[in-house]
Amino acid sequence: MKINTSEFIISAVKKSQYPEGGAAEVAFVGRSNVGKSSIINALTNRRKLARVSQTPGKTRLINFFLLNNEFFLVDLPGYGYAKVSKKEKESWGKVIETYLTEREPLKRVVLLVDCRHKPTADDVLMYNWINHFGYDCKVVATKRDKISNNEVAKSEKLIRATLGMPKEEKLLFFSSLNKNGKDQIIDELFGDINELE
């Protein structure tokens, strides 16, 4: 599959602001500093489609991007960033939860984890939550360029064990910097999107 066009449609906080029309949606979720904006820009070949912030935790809205005039990539607020108030964290949590529990066109959730570190308690919670609600879940380990080839197997073992991933579930590695395997990642994340129930 090729991503030929990508455009920002809307930033939403509440349900009434979500796009209408029922096009399938793939949501990206992960910790604030996991490189979510970078991977969105790398996959869509647009340097500034998603804003890359020097300050993790800046994305507080749900951003909808229309790909190929056909389906949406949805960028959810990053979680787990320490330098925000408890009240603010709770409000982000509600924004994410409302979307994930009440969004009919949502077909798949892509959980991003940093390949250099053990997934956090928040990552484990999110993984279990995605599966509990029956969404198709894909796990992508970001920042692949930061580890050597020898460290990949060790990283995969740690991520799988921490999240409790079944053997048959694929774990994808990706670097937004060198974009190796980009076409495969695009196929894995979006190729079958219109066939998902």
N, C-alpha and C. Protein backbone atom coordinates (compact mmCIF):
# COMPACT_ATOMS: atom_id res chain seq x y z
N MET A 1 0.83 -1.19 0.00
CA MET A 1 0.00 0.00 0.00
C MET A 1 0.88 1.25 0.00
N LYS A 2 0.43 2.28 -0.70
CA LYS A 2 1.16 3.56 -0.72
C LYS A 2 0.29 4.65 -0.10
N ILE A 3 0.92 5.52 0.70
CA ILE A 3 0.20 6.69 1.19
C ILE A 3 0.50 7.83 0.22
N ASN A 4 -0.47 8.17 -0.59
CA ASN A 4 -0.27 9.19 -1.62
C ASN A 4 -0.62 10.60 -1.13
N THR A 5 -1.65 10.68 -0.30
CA THR A 5 -2.06 12.00 0.21
C THR A 5 -2.32 11.92 1.71
N SER A 6 -2.02 13.00 2.39
CA SER A 6 -2.30 13.08 3.83
C SER A 6 -2.60 14.53 4.17
N GLU A 7 -3.68 14.73 4.89
CA GLU A 7 -4.00 16.11 5.29
C GLU A 7 -4.60 16.16 6.68
N PHE A 8 -4.23 17.20 7.40
CA PHE A 8 -4.80 17.44 8.72
C PHE A 8 -6.24 17.90 8.54
N ILE A 9 -7.16 17.30 9.31
CA ILE A 9 -8.57 17.66 9.19
C ILE A 9 -9.05 18.49 10.39
N ILE A 10 -8.85 17.96 11.60
CA ILE A 10 -9.36 18.69 12.78
C ILE A 10 -8.67 18.20 14.05
N SER A 11 -8.58 19.09 15.04
CA SER A 11 -8.18 18.72 16.40
C SER A 11 -9.45 18.71 17.24
N ALA A 12 -9.65 17.65 17.99
CA ALA A 12 -10.89 17.52 18.75
C ALA A 12 -10.60 17.28 20.23
N VAL A 13 -11.50 17.78 21.06
CA VAL A 13 -11.44 17.49 22.49
C VAL A 13 -12.65 16.65 22.86
N LYS A 14 -13.79 16.99 22.25
CA LYS A 14 -15.00 16.24 22.58
C LYS A 14 -15.59 15.56 21.36
N LYS A 15 -16.48 14.63 21.65
CA LYS A 15 -17.09 13.77 20.64
C LYS A 15 -17.74 14.54 19.49
N SER A 16 -18.39 15.63 19.83
CA SER A 16 -19.12 16.40 18.81
C SER A 16 -18.19 16.99 17.75
N GLN A 17 -16.88 17.02 18.06
CA GLN A 17 -15.92 17.60 17.10
C GLN A 17 -15.29 16.54 16.18
N TYR A 18 -15.55 15.26 16.46
CA TYR A 18 -14.97 14.21 15.63
C TYR A 18 -15.53 14.30 14.20
N PRO A 19 -14.73 13.93 13.20
CA PRO A 19 -15.23 13.94 11.82
C PRO A 19 -16.40 12.96 11.64
N GLU A 20 -17.31 13.32 10.76
CA GLU A 20 -18.43 12.43 10.46
C GLU A 20 -18.16 11.70 9.15
N GLY A 21 -19.00 10.74 8.85
CA GLY A 21 -18.88 10.04 7.57
C GLY A 21 -18.54 8.57 7.70
N GLY A 22 -17.99 8.18 8.86
CA GLY A 22 -17.77 6.75 9.10
C GLY A 22 -16.55 6.11 8.47
N ALA A 23 -15.61 6.92 7.92
CA ALA A 23 -14.39 6.33 7.35
C ALA A 23 -13.60 5.62 8.46
N ALA A 24 -12.96 4.51 8.12
CA ALA A 24 -12.20 3.72 9.10
C ALA A 24 -11.08 4.55 9.73
N GLU A 25 -10.78 4.25 10.99
CA GLU A 25 -9.74 5.00 11.72
C GLU A 25 -8.72 4.07 12.36
N VAL A 26 -7.46 4.49 12.31
CA VAL A 26 -6.36 3.81 13.00
C VAL A 26 -5.79 4.82 13.98
N ALA A 27 -5.81 4.51 15.28
CA ALA A 27 -5.34 5.46 16.29
C ALA A 27 -3.92 5.10 16.74
N PHE A 28 -3.08 6.14 16.88
CA PHE A 28 -1.72 5.97 17.40
C PHE A 28 -1.71 6.47 18.84
N VAL A 29 -1.18 5.64 19.73
CA VAL A 29 -1.12 6.02 21.14
C VAL A 29 0.22 5.60 21.73
N GLY A 30 0.69 6.37 22.71
CA GLY A 30 1.97 6.03 23.34
C GLY A 30 2.39 7.10 24.33
N ARG A 31 3.49 6.83 25.01
CA ARG A 31 4.02 7.81 25.96
C ARG A 31 4.39 9.10 25.26
N SER A 32 4.41 10.17 26.03
CA SER A 32 4.66 11.50 25.46
C SER A 32 5.96 11.62 24.67
N ASN A 33 7.00 10.91 25.09
CA ASN A 33 8.30 11.09 24.42
C ASN A 33 8.68 9.89 23.54
N VAL A 34 7.67 9.17 23.05
CA VAL A 34 7.94 7.94 22.30
C VAL A 34 8.23 8.22 20.81
N GLY A 35 7.98 9.44 20.37
CA GLY A 35 8.25 9.80 18.98
C GLY A 35 7.05 9.62 18.06
N LYS A 36 5.87 9.86 18.61
CA LYS A 36 4.62 9.67 17.86
C LYS A 36 4.52 10.58 16.64
N SER A 37 4.78 11.88 16.85
CA SER A 37 4.70 12.83 15.73
C SER A 37 5.72 12.48 14.65
N SER A 38 6.91 12.07 15.07
CA SER A 38 7.98 11.73 14.12
C SER A 38 7.59 10.54 13.25
N ILE A 39 6.98 9.52 13.85
CA ILE A 39 6.61 8.34 13.05
C ILE A 39 5.46 8.67 12.10
N ILE A 40 4.54 9.52 12.54
CA ILE A 40 3.42 9.93 11.66
C ILE A 40 3.99 10.68 10.45
N ASN A 41 4.91 11.59 10.70
CA ASN A 41 5.52 12.36 9.61
C ASN A 41 6.33 11.45 8.67
N ALA A 42 7.04 10.48 9.26
CA ALA A 42 7.86 9.56 8.44
C ALA A 42 6.99 8.68 7.55
N LEU A 43 5.91 8.15 8.10
CA LEU A 43 5.05 7.25 7.32
C LEU A 43 4.29 7.98 6.22
N THR A 44 3.94 9.23 6.49
CA THR A 44 3.17 9.99 5.49
C THR A 44 4.07 10.79 4.54
N ASN A 45 5.39 10.77 4.82
CA ASN A 45 6.34 11.53 4.00
C ASN A 45 6.08 13.03 4.04
N ARG A 46 5.62 13.50 5.18
CA ARG A 46 5.36 14.93 5.35
C ARG A 46 6.14 15.40 6.57
N ARG A 47 7.02 16.36 6.37
CA ARG A 47 7.90 16.75 7.47
C ARG A 47 7.16 17.42 8.64
N LYS A 48 6.06 18.09 8.31
CA LYS A 48 5.40 18.84 9.38
C LYS A 48 3.91 18.53 9.50
N LEU A 49 3.49 17.33 9.08
CA LEU A 49 2.07 17.00 9.19
C LEU A 49 1.66 16.98 10.67
N ALA A 50 2.39 16.21 11.46
CA ALA A 50 2.17 16.21 12.91
C ALA A 50 3.28 17.07 13.52
N ARG A 51 2.91 17.91 14.45
CA ARG A 51 3.91 18.82 15.03
C ARG A 51 4.83 18.09 16.00
N VAL A 52 6.11 18.19 15.75
CA VAL A 52 7.10 17.59 16.65
C VAL A 52 7.49 18.65 17.66
N SER A 53 7.27 18.34 18.92
CA SER A 53 7.54 19.33 19.96
C SER A 53 8.82 18.97 20.71
N GLN A 54 9.55 19.98 21.10
CA GLN A 54 10.74 19.74 21.93
C GLN A 54 10.33 19.41 23.36
N THR A 55 9.08 19.74 23.69
CA THR A 55 8.57 19.46 25.03
C THR A 55 7.57 18.32 24.96
N PRO A 56 7.94 17.13 25.47
CA PRO A 56 6.98 16.02 25.46
C PRO A 56 5.70 16.41 26.19
N GLY A 57 4.59 15.84 25.76
CA GLY A 57 3.34 16.10 26.45
C GLY A 57 2.58 17.29 25.93
N LYS A 58 3.01 17.82 24.78
CA LYS A 58 2.36 19.02 24.23
C LYS A 58 1.03 18.70 23.55
N THR A 59 0.91 17.51 22.97
CA THR A 59 -0.32 17.17 22.26
C THR A 59 -1.42 16.88 23.28
N ARG A 60 -2.38 17.77 23.38
CA ARG A 60 -3.45 17.58 24.35
C ARG A 60 -4.78 17.34 23.68
N LEU A 61 -4.75 17.33 22.35
CA LEU A 61 -5.96 17.16 21.57
C LEU A 61 -5.86 15.88 20.77
N ILE A 62 -7.01 15.42 20.25
CA ILE A 62 -7.01 14.29 19.33
C ILE A 62 -6.94 14.88 17.92
N ASN A 63 -5.89 14.53 17.19
CA ASN A 63 -5.71 15.08 15.84
C ASN A 63 -6.07 14.04 14.78
N PHE A 64 -6.93 14.45 13.86
CA PHE A 64 -7.39 13.56 12.79
C PHE A 64 -6.71 13.93 11.48
N PHE A 65 -6.04 12.95 10.85
CA PHE A 65 -5.38 13.14 9.56
C PHE A 65 -6.04 12.20 8.54
N LEU A 66 -6.47 12.74 7.42
CA LEU A 66 -7.09 11.93 6.38
C LEU A 66 -6.01 11.44 5.41
N LEU A 67 -5.92 10.11 5.25
CA LEU A 67 -4.91 9.52 4.36
C LEU A 67 -5.60 8.97 3.11
N ASN A 68 -5.02 9.28 1.96
CA ASN A 68 -5.53 8.81 0.66
C ASN A 68 -7.01 9.13 0.44
N ASN A 69 -7.50 10.17 1.11
CA ASN A 69 -8.93 10.53 1.03
C ASN A 69 -9.84 9.35 1.34
N GLU A 70 -9.34 8.44 2.18
CA GLU A 70 -10.04 7.17 2.36
C GLU A 70 -10.25 6.79 3.82
N PHE A 71 -9.21 6.99 4.66
CA PHE A 71 -9.33 6.61 6.07
C PHE A 71 -8.52 7.59 6.91
N PHE A 72 -8.75 7.52 8.23
CA PHE A 72 -8.09 8.47 9.14
C PHE A 72 -6.99 7.81 9.97
N LEU A 73 -5.89 8.55 10.12
CA LEU A 73 -4.89 8.24 11.13
C LEU A 73 -5.19 9.21 12.27
N VAL A 74 -5.37 8.69 13.47
CA VAL A 74 -5.78 9.53 14.60
C VAL A 74 -4.65 9.56 15.63
N ASP A 75 -4.17 10.75 15.92
CA ASP A 75 -3.07 10.95 16.86
C ASP A 75 -3.66 11.31 18.23
N LEU A 76 -3.51 10.38 19.18
CA LEU A 76 -4.06 10.60 20.53
C LEU A 76 -3.02 11.27 21.42
N PRO A 77 -3.47 12.02 22.44
CA PRO A 77 -2.52 12.68 23.35
C PRO A 77 -1.58 11.67 24.00
N GLY A 78 -0.32 12.06 24.13
CA GLY A 78 0.66 11.20 24.80
C GLY A 78 0.35 11.12 26.29
N TYR A 79 0.69 9.97 26.88
CA TYR A 79 0.41 9.80 28.31
C TYR A 79 1.71 9.63 29.09
N GLY A 80 1.59 9.71 30.41
CA GLY A 80 2.71 9.37 31.27
C GLY A 80 3.79 10.42 31.42
N TYR A 81 3.49 11.66 31.00
CA TYR A 81 4.53 12.69 31.16
C TYR A 81 4.42 13.32 32.53
N ALA A 82 5.54 13.40 33.23
CA ALA A 82 5.53 13.76 34.65
C ALA A 82 5.25 15.24 34.91
N LYS A 83 5.64 16.11 33.99
CA LYS A 83 5.60 17.54 34.31
C LYS A 83 4.26 18.22 34.06
N VAL A 84 3.19 17.49 34.29
CA VAL A 84 1.87 18.13 34.19
C VAL A 84 1.10 17.81 35.47
N SER A 85 0.15 18.66 35.78
CA SER A 85 -0.60 18.48 37.03
C SER A 85 -1.48 17.24 36.95
N LYS A 86 -1.86 16.76 38.13
CA LYS A 86 -2.72 15.57 38.22
C LYS A 86 -4.05 15.83 37.52
N LYS A 87 -4.55 17.04 37.71
CA LYS A 87 -5.84 17.42 37.11
C LYS A 87 -5.76 17.37 35.58
N GLU A 88 -4.64 17.87 35.06
CA GLU A 88 -4.44 17.89 33.61
C GLU A 88 -4.33 16.47 33.07
N LYS A 89 -3.59 15.63 33.80
CA LYS A 89 -3.47 14.22 33.40
C LYS A 89 -4.83 13.55 33.33
N GLU A 90 -5.67 13.84 34.33
CA GLU A 90 -7.00 13.24 34.36
C GLU A 90 -7.84 13.70 33.18
N SER A 91 -7.70 14.98 32.82
CA SER A 91 -8.51 15.48 31.70
C SER A 91 -8.06 14.85 30.38
N TRP A 92 -6.72 14.66 30.20
CA TRP A 92 -6.23 13.96 29.00
C TRP A 92 -6.77 12.54 28.97
N GLY A 93 -6.72 11.89 30.16
CA GLY A 93 -7.18 10.50 30.27
C GLY A 93 -8.63 10.38 29.81
N LYS A 94 -9.44 11.33 30.21
CA LYS A 94 -10.87 11.30 29.81
C LYS A 94 -11.02 11.50 28.31
N VAL A 95 -10.21 12.40 27.75
CA VAL A 95 -10.26 12.66 26.30
C VAL A 95 -9.95 11.36 25.54
N ILE A 96 -8.88 10.66 25.96
CA ILE A 96 -8.48 9.41 25.30
C ILE A 96 -9.54 8.33 25.51
N GLU A 97 -10.00 8.21 26.74
CA GLU A 97 -10.96 7.15 27.08
C GLU A 97 -12.27 7.31 26.31
N THR A 98 -12.77 8.54 26.23
CA THR A 98 -14.02 8.79 25.49
C THR A 98 -13.86 8.35 24.04
N TYR A 99 -12.74 8.73 23.45
CA TYR A 99 -12.51 8.35 22.05
C TYR A 99 -12.44 6.83 21.90
N LEU A 100 -11.63 6.19 22.73
CA LEU A 100 -11.41 4.74 22.57
C LEU A 100 -12.65 3.91 22.88
N THR A 101 -13.50 4.37 23.77
CA THR A 101 -14.66 3.56 24.14
C THR A 101 -15.89 3.86 23.28
N GLU A 102 -15.92 5.02 22.66
CA GLU A 102 -17.17 5.42 21.99
C GLU A 102 -17.03 5.68 20.50
N ARG A 103 -15.90 5.38 19.92
CA ARG A 103 -15.70 5.74 18.52
C ARG A 103 -15.93 4.54 17.60
N GLU A 104 -17.06 4.52 16.95
CA GLU A 104 -17.48 3.41 16.08
C GLU A 104 -16.50 3.12 14.94
N PRO A 105 -16.01 4.13 14.19
CA PRO A 105 -15.14 3.83 13.04
C PRO A 105 -13.72 3.38 13.42
N LEU A 106 -13.38 3.39 14.71
CA LEU A 106 -12.03 2.98 15.13
C LEU A 106 -11.85 1.48 14.92
N LYS A 107 -10.88 1.11 14.09
CA LYS A 107 -10.67 -0.29 13.74
C LYS A 107 -9.41 -0.88 14.36
N ARG A 108 -8.40 -0.05 14.56
CA ARG A 108 -7.12 -0.57 15.04
C ARG A 108 -6.45 0.48 15.92
N VAL A 109 -5.74 0.01 16.95
CA VAL A 109 -4.96 0.92 17.79
C VAL A 109 -3.49 0.48 17.70
N VAL A 110 -2.63 1.44 17.37
CA VAL A 110 -1.20 1.19 17.27
C VAL A 110 -0.54 1.72 18.54
N LEU A 111 0.01 0.81 19.33
CA LEU A 111 0.69 1.20 20.57
C LEU A 111 2.18 1.36 20.29
N LEU A 112 2.68 2.56 20.53
CA LEU A 112 4.11 2.84 20.32
C LEU A 112 4.86 2.72 21.63
N VAL A 113 5.95 1.96 21.61
CA VAL A 113 6.83 1.84 22.78
C VAL A 113 8.26 2.14 22.33
N ASP A 114 9.07 2.61 23.24
CA ASP A 114 10.47 2.94 22.95
C ASP A 114 11.31 1.67 23.05
N CYS A 115 11.96 1.29 21.94
CA CYS A 115 12.70 0.01 21.92
C CYS A 115 13.88 -0.02 22.88
N ARG A 116 14.30 1.15 23.39
CA ARG A 116 15.48 1.20 24.27
C ARG A 116 15.13 0.89 25.72
N HIS A 117 13.84 0.93 26.05
CA HIS A 117 13.44 0.80 27.45
C HIS A 117 12.36 -0.25 27.66
N LYS A 118 12.31 -0.74 28.87
CA LYS A 118 11.22 -1.64 29.26
C LYS A 118 9.90 -0.85 29.22
N PRO A 119 8.83 -1.42 28.64
CA PRO A 119 7.55 -0.70 28.65
C PRO A 119 7.14 -0.33 30.07
N THR A 120 6.54 0.85 30.22
CA THR A 120 6.15 1.33 31.54
C THR A 120 4.82 0.70 31.97
N ALA A 121 4.45 0.95 33.22
CA ALA A 121 3.16 0.47 33.73
C ALA A 121 2.02 1.05 32.89
N ASP A 122 2.18 2.30 32.44
CA ASP A 122 1.16 2.93 31.59
C ASP A 122 1.03 2.21 30.25
N ASP A 123 2.17 1.79 29.69
CA ASP A 123 2.16 1.04 28.42
C ASP A 123 1.42 -0.28 28.59
N VAL A 124 1.70 -0.98 29.68
CA VAL A 124 1.06 -2.28 29.96
C VAL A 124 -0.45 -2.09 30.11
N LEU A 125 -0.81 -1.05 30.86
CA LEU A 125 -2.23 -0.73 31.07
C LEU A 125 -2.92 -0.47 29.74
N MET A 126 -2.27 0.34 28.89
CA MET A 126 -2.86 0.68 27.58
C MET A 126 -2.99 -0.56 26.70
N TYR A 127 -1.96 -1.41 26.69
CA TYR A 127 -2.00 -2.64 25.89
C TYR A 127 -3.18 -3.52 26.33
N ASN A 128 -3.31 -3.71 27.64
CA ASN A 128 -4.39 -4.55 28.16
C ASN A 128 -5.76 -3.94 27.86
N TRP A 129 -5.82 -2.64 27.95
CA TRP A 129 -7.05 -1.90 27.73
C TRP A 129 -7.51 -2.04 26.28
N ILE A 130 -6.57 -1.89 25.32
CA ILE A 130 -6.87 -2.02 23.89
C ILE A 130 -7.43 -3.41 23.61
N ASN A 131 -6.79 -4.42 24.19
CA ASN A 131 -7.23 -5.80 23.97
C ASN A 131 -8.56 -6.09 24.66
N HIS A 132 -8.74 -5.52 25.84
CA HIS A 132 -9.99 -5.70 26.59
C HIS A 132 -11.19 -5.22 25.77
N PHE A 133 -11.01 -4.10 25.07
CA PHE A 133 -12.11 -3.55 24.28
C PHE A 133 -12.20 -4.14 22.87
N GLY A 134 -11.34 -5.14 22.60
CA GLY A 134 -11.48 -5.92 21.38
C GLY A 134 -10.97 -5.25 20.11
N TYR A 135 -10.13 -4.23 20.25
CA TYR A 135 -9.57 -3.61 19.04
C TYR A 135 -8.41 -4.44 18.52
N ASP A 136 -8.19 -4.38 17.22
CA ASP A 136 -7.00 -4.98 16.65
C ASP A 136 -5.82 -4.12 17.12
N CYS A 137 -4.84 -4.74 17.74
CA CYS A 137 -3.72 -3.98 18.31
C CYS A 137 -2.42 -4.32 17.60
N LYS A 138 -1.67 -3.29 17.23
CA LYS A 138 -0.33 -3.48 16.66
C LYS A 138 0.65 -2.74 17.57
N VAL A 139 1.74 -3.41 17.93
CA VAL A 139 2.76 -2.77 18.75
C VAL A 139 3.96 -2.43 17.87
N VAL A 140 4.35 -1.15 17.91
CA VAL A 140 5.51 -0.70 17.15
C VAL A 140 6.56 -0.16 18.12
N ALA A 141 7.76 -0.72 18.05
CA ALA A 141 8.88 -0.25 18.88
C ALA A 141 9.61 0.84 18.09
N THR A 142 9.61 2.06 18.61
CA THR A 142 10.20 3.20 17.91
C THR A 142 11.69 3.35 18.24
N LYS A 143 12.33 4.25 17.51
CA LYS A 143 13.74 4.62 17.75
C LYS A 143 14.70 3.45 17.52
N ARG A 144 14.37 2.63 16.51
CA ARG A 144 15.18 1.45 16.18
C ARG A 144 16.64 1.81 15.89
N ASP A 145 16.88 3.02 15.35
CA ASP A 145 18.25 3.44 15.02
C ASP A 145 19.13 3.63 16.25
N LYS A 146 18.50 3.70 17.42
CA LYS A 146 19.26 3.96 18.65
C LYS A 146 19.85 2.69 19.27
N ILE A 147 19.46 1.53 18.73
CA ILE A 147 20.04 0.29 19.27
C ILE A 147 20.74 -0.49 18.14
N SER A 148 21.70 -1.32 18.52
CA SER A 148 22.45 -2.09 17.52
C SER A 148 21.62 -3.31 17.09
N ASN A 149 22.04 -3.92 15.98
CA ASN A 149 21.35 -5.13 15.51
C ASN A 149 21.37 -6.23 16.57
N ASN A 150 22.47 -6.29 17.31
CA ASN A 150 22.58 -7.32 18.36
C ASN A 150 21.59 -7.11 19.50
N GLU A 151 21.17 -5.87 19.69
CA GLU A 151 20.28 -5.56 20.82
C GLU A 151 18.79 -5.73 20.51
N VAL A 152 18.48 -5.94 19.22
CA VAL A 152 17.07 -6.03 18.82
C VAL A 152 16.36 -7.21 19.48
N ALA A 153 17.00 -8.39 19.45
CA ALA A 153 16.38 -9.59 20.02
C ALA A 153 16.13 -9.42 21.52
N LYS A 154 17.08 -8.80 22.20
CA LYS A 154 16.95 -8.55 23.64
C LYS A 154 15.79 -7.59 23.91
N SER A 155 15.71 -6.54 23.08
CA SER A 155 14.64 -5.55 23.20
C SER A 155 13.28 -6.20 22.96
N GLU A 156 13.22 -7.02 21.92
CA GLU A 156 11.95 -7.69 21.59
C GLU A 156 11.49 -8.60 22.74
N LYS A 157 12.43 -9.35 23.29
CA LYS A 157 12.12 -10.27 24.39
C LYS A 157 11.56 -9.50 25.59
N LEU A 158 12.20 -8.39 25.93
CA LEU A 158 11.78 -7.58 27.07
C LEU A 158 10.39 -6.97 26.85
N ILE A 159 10.17 -6.42 25.66
CA ILE A 159 8.87 -5.80 25.35
C ILE A 159 7.76 -6.84 25.38
N ARG A 160 8.01 -7.97 24.73
CA ARG A 160 7.00 -9.05 24.69
C ARG A 160 6.66 -9.55 26.10
N ALA A 161 7.70 -9.79 26.90
CA ALA A 161 7.48 -10.32 28.25
C ALA A 161 6.73 -9.31 29.11
N THR A 162 7.10 -8.03 29.01
CA THR A 162 6.49 -7.00 29.86
C THR A 162 5.02 -6.78 29.50
N LEU A 163 4.74 -6.74 28.20
CA LEU A 163 3.34 -6.52 27.77
C LEU A 163 2.51 -7.80 27.83
N GLY A 164 3.18 -8.95 27.85
CA GLY A 164 2.46 -10.22 27.82
C GLY A 164 1.91 -10.51 26.43
N MET A 165 2.72 -10.19 25.40
CA MET A 165 2.28 -10.40 24.02
C MET A 165 2.31 -11.88 23.65
N PRO A 166 1.27 -12.38 23.00
CA PRO A 166 1.31 -13.77 22.53
C PRO A 166 2.37 -13.95 21.44
N LYS A 167 2.90 -15.17 21.32
CA LYS A 167 3.97 -15.46 20.35
C LYS A 167 3.60 -15.08 18.92
N GLU A 168 2.33 -15.32 18.56
CA GLU A 168 1.91 -15.10 17.17
C GLU A 168 1.71 -13.62 16.82
N GLU A 169 1.69 -12.77 17.85
CA GLU A 169 1.47 -11.34 17.60
C GLU A 169 2.78 -10.69 17.17
N LYS A 170 2.75 -9.99 16.04
CA LYS A 170 3.97 -9.35 15.53
C LYS A 170 4.36 -8.15 16.36
N LEU A 171 5.67 -7.98 16.54
CA LEU A 171 6.20 -6.76 17.13
C LEU A 171 7.03 -6.09 16.04
N LEU A 172 6.65 -4.88 15.69
CA LEU A 172 7.31 -4.18 14.58
C LEU A 172 8.32 -3.17 15.13
N PHE A 173 9.49 -3.09 14.50
CA PHE A 173 10.50 -2.10 14.88
C PHE A 173 10.59 -1.05 13.78
N PHE A 174 10.77 0.22 14.18
CA PHE A 174 10.85 1.27 13.17
C PHE A 174 11.68 2.45 13.66
N SER A 175 12.42 3.05 12.72
CA SER A 175 13.15 4.28 13.00
C SER A 175 12.61 5.38 12.10
N SER A 176 12.13 6.45 12.71
CA SER A 176 11.64 7.59 11.92
C SER A 176 12.79 8.31 11.24
N LEU A 177 14.02 8.03 11.70
CA LEU A 177 15.20 8.70 11.17
C LEU A 177 15.63 8.08 9.83
N ASN A 178 15.83 6.75 9.82
CA ASN A 178 16.29 6.13 8.56
C ASN A 178 15.15 5.49 7.76
N LYS A 179 14.00 5.34 8.38
CA LYS A 179 12.77 4.84 7.71
C LYS A 179 12.91 3.45 7.11
N ASN A 180 13.88 2.66 7.59
CA ASN A 180 14.03 1.29 7.07
C ASN A 180 12.75 0.49 7.33
N GLY A 181 12.29 -0.23 6.32
CA GLY A 181 11.09 -1.06 6.48
C GLY A 181 9.79 -0.27 6.48
N LYS A 182 9.85 0.96 5.99
CA LYS A 182 8.67 1.83 6.01
C LYS A 182 7.48 1.22 5.26
N ASP A 183 7.73 0.67 4.08
CA ASP A 183 6.64 0.11 3.28
C ASP A 183 5.96 -1.06 3.99
N GLN A 184 6.78 -1.88 4.65
CA GLN A 184 6.22 -3.02 5.40
C GLN A 184 5.35 -2.53 6.55
N ILE A 185 5.84 -1.51 7.26
CA ILE A 185 5.07 -0.95 8.39
C ILE A 185 3.74 -0.39 7.89
N ILE A 186 3.77 0.34 6.80
CA ILE A 186 2.53 0.92 6.24
C ILE A 186 1.55 -0.19 5.89
N ASP A 187 2.06 -1.26 5.25
CA ASP A 187 1.18 -2.39 4.91
C ASP A 187 0.58 -3.03 6.16
N GLU A 188 1.42 -3.21 7.18
CA GLU A 188 0.96 -3.86 8.42
C GLU A 188 -0.11 -3.02 9.13
N LEU A 189 0.09 -1.70 9.13
CA LEU A 189 -0.81 -0.83 9.90
C LEU A 189 -2.08 -0.45 9.15
N PHE A 190 -1.94 -0.29 7.83
CA PHE A 190 -3.09 0.25 7.08
C PHE A 190 -3.58 -0.62 5.94
N GLY A 191 -2.78 -1.59 5.50
CA GLY A 191 -3.10 -2.35 4.29
C GLY A 191 -4.47 -3.01 4.26
N ASP A 192 -4.89 -3.51 5.43
CA ASP A 192 -6.17 -4.26 5.48
C ASP A 192 -7.27 -3.48 6.20
N ILE A 193 -7.09 -2.17 6.34
CA ILE A 193 -7.96 -1.39 7.21
C ILE A 193 -9.45 -1.49 6.85
N ASN A 194 -9.74 -1.55 5.56
CA ASN A 194 -11.16 -1.60 5.16
C ASN A 194 -11.77 -2.99 5.28
N GLU A 195 -10.92 -3.98 5.60
CA GLU A 195 -11.45 -5.33 5.78
C GLU A 195 -11.75 -5.64 7.25
N LEU A 196 -11.28 -4.79 8.15
CA LEU A 196 -11.49 -5.05 9.58
C LEU A 196 -12.93 -4.76 9.98
N GLU A 197 -13.45 -5.63 10.83
CA GLU A 197 -14.84 -5.43 11.31
C GLU A 197 -14.88 -4.33 12.35
